[in-house]
C-alpha atoms as a PDB file:
ATOM      1  CA  UNK A   1       4.011   8.797 -22.623  1.00  0.00           C
ATOM      2  CA  UNK A   2       6.144   9.185 -19.531  1.00  0.00           C
ATOM      3  CA  UNK A   3       3.007   9.871 -17.402  1.00  0.00           C
ATOM      4  CA  UNK A   4       1.542   6.520 -18.533  1.00  0.00           C
ATOM      5  CA  UNK A   5       4.704   4.681 -17.423  1.00  0.00           C
ATOM      6  CA  UNK A   6       4.705   6.485 -14.087  1.00  0.00           C
ATOM      7  CA  UNK A   7       1.029   5.612 -13.561  1.00  0.00           C
ATOM      8  CA  UNK A   8       1.649   1.900 -14.375  1.00  0.00           C
ATOM      9  CA  UNK A   9       4.573   1.720 -11.985  1.00  0.00           C
ATOM     10  CA  UNK A  10       2.661   3.528  -9.283  1.00  0.00           C
ATOM     11  CA  UNK A  11      -0.341   1.250  -9.695  1.00  0.00           C
ATOM     12  CA  UNK A  12       1.781  -1.865  -9.469  1.00  0.00           C
ATOM     13  CA  UNK A  13       3.674  -0.628  -6.454  1.00  0.00           C
ATOM     14  CA  UNK A  14       0.391   0.384  -4.811  1.00  0.00           C
ATOM     15  CA  UNK A  15      -1.013  -3.100  -5.268  1.00  0.00           C
ATOM     16  CA  UNK A  16       2.074  -4.654  -3.762  1.00  0.00           C
ATOM     17  CA  UNK A  17       2.064  -2.228  -0.822  1.00  0.00           C
ATOM     18  CA  UNK A  18      -1.593  -3.002  -0.122  1.00  0.00           C
ATOM     19  CA  UNK A  19      -1.005  -6.731  -0.251  1.00  0.00           C
ATOM     20  CA  UNK A  20       1.883  -6.404   2.170  1.00  0.00           C
ATOM     21  CA  UNK A  21      -0.404  -5.007   4.797  1.00  0.00           C
ATOM     22  CA  UNK A  22      -1.774  -8.249   6.205  1.00  0.00           C
ATOM     23  CA  UNK A  23      -3.762  -7.800   9.396  1.00  0.00           C
ATOM     24  CA  UNK A  24      -3.490 -10.634  11.913  1.00  0.00           C
ATOM     25  CA  UNK A  25      -0.666 -12.381  10.096  1.00  0.00           C
ATOM     26  CA  UNK A  26       1.264 -13.236  13.207  1.00  0.00           C
ATOM     27  CA  UNK A  27       2.154 -16.743  14.386  1.00  0.00           C
ATOM     28  CA  UNK A  28      -1.171 -17.119  16.168  1.00  0.00           C
ATOM     29  CA  UNK A  29      -3.042 -16.601  12.943  1.00  0.00           C
ATOM     30  CA  UNK A  30      -1.245 -19.564  11.410  1.00  0.00           C
ATOM     31  CA  UNK A  31      -2.953 -21.825  13.952  1.00  0.00           C
ATOM     32  CA  UNK A  32      -6.376 -20.233  13.673  1.00  0.00           C
ATOM     33  CA  UNK A  33      -5.999 -17.761  16.556  1.00  0.00           C
ATOM     34  CA  UNK A  34      -6.917 -14.201  16.244  1.00  0.00           C
ATOM     35  CA  UNK A  35      -5.276 -11.329  18.080  1.00  0.00           C
ATOM     36  CA  UNK A  36      -7.694  -8.638  19.281  1.00  0.00           C
ATOM     37  CA  UNK A  37      -5.075  -6.686  21.141  1.00  0.00           C
ATOM     38  CA  UNK A  38      -4.481  -3.069  20.096  1.00  0.00           C
ATOM     39  CA  UNK A  39      -1.080  -2.699  18.446  1.00  0.00           C
ATOM     40  CA  UNK A  40       0.793   0.252  17.102  1.00  0.00           C
ATOM     41  CA  UNK A  41       2.535   0.248  13.763  1.00  0.00           C
ATOM     42  CA  UNK A  42       6.234  -0.368  14.037  1.00  0.00           C
ATOM     43  CA  UNK A  43       9.154   0.243  11.700  1.00  0.00           C
ATOM     44  CA  UNK A  44       8.346  -1.803   8.551  1.00  0.00           C
ATOM     45  CA  UNK A  45       4.565  -1.619   8.998  1.00  0.00           C
ATOM     46  CA  UNK A  46       4.713   2.123   9.423  1.00  0.00           C
ATOM     47  CA  UNK A  47       6.987   2.468   6.358  1.00  0.00           C
ATOM     48  CA  UNK A  48       4.613   0.392   4.209  1.00  0.00           C
ATOM     49  CA  UNK A  49       1.645   2.392   5.489  1.00  0.00           C
ATOM     50  CA  UNK A  50       3.194   5.745   4.578  1.00  0.00           C
ATOM     51  CA  UNK A  51       4.412   4.353   1.266  1.00  0.00           C
ATOM     52  CA  UNK A  52       0.871   3.236   0.435  1.00  0.00           C
ATOM     53  CA  UNK A  53      -0.441   6.792   1.069  1.00  0.00           C
ATOM     54  CA  UNK A  54       2.326   8.347  -1.051  1.00  0.00           C
ATOM     55  CA  UNK A  55       1.794   5.883  -3.891  1.00  0.00           C
ATOM     56  CA  UNK A  56      -1.945   6.485  -3.877  1.00  0.00           C
ATOM     57  CA  UNK A  57      -1.354  10.286  -4.159  1.00  0.00           C
ATOM     58  CA  UNK A  58       1.107   9.764  -6.991  1.00  0.00           C
ATOM     59  CA  UNK A  59      -1.396   7.453  -8.759  1.00  0.00           C
ATOM     60  CA  UNK A  60      -4.267   9.927  -8.463  1.00  0.00           C
ATOM     61  CA  UNK A  61      -2.124  12.899  -9.555  1.00  0.00           C
ATOM     62  CA  UNK A  62      -0.942  11.001 -12.687  1.00  0.00           C
ATOM     63  CA  UNK A  63      -4.532   9.890 -13.409  1.00  0.00           C
ATOM     64  CA  UNK A  64      -5.690  13.481 -13.148  1.00  0.00           C
ATOM     65  CA  UNK A  65      -2.898  14.699 -15.482  1.00  0.00           C
ATOM     66  CA  UNK A  66      -3.901  11.973 -18.003  1.00  0.00           C
ATOM     67  CA  UNK A  67      -7.483  13.271 -17.984  1.00  0.00           C
ATOM     68  CA  UNK A  68      -6.309  16.814 -18.666  1.00  0.00           C
ATOM     69  CA  UNK A  69      -3.960  15.829 -21.553  1.00  0.00           C
END
């Protein structure tokens, strides 16, 4: 029961984290421009990136536990 709730919360948070990772969503993209310049991830982008990885791991672990139970 608690594993199901954890999996639902992890899945929802994973979807939100993936949707927050917009590429090319700068001001230039609003006017049709596209930035092909190499950028490094900074602060919030890096935090969302690592959170996505952690949420994916949590989701797969809970899915695997549900299979075993």
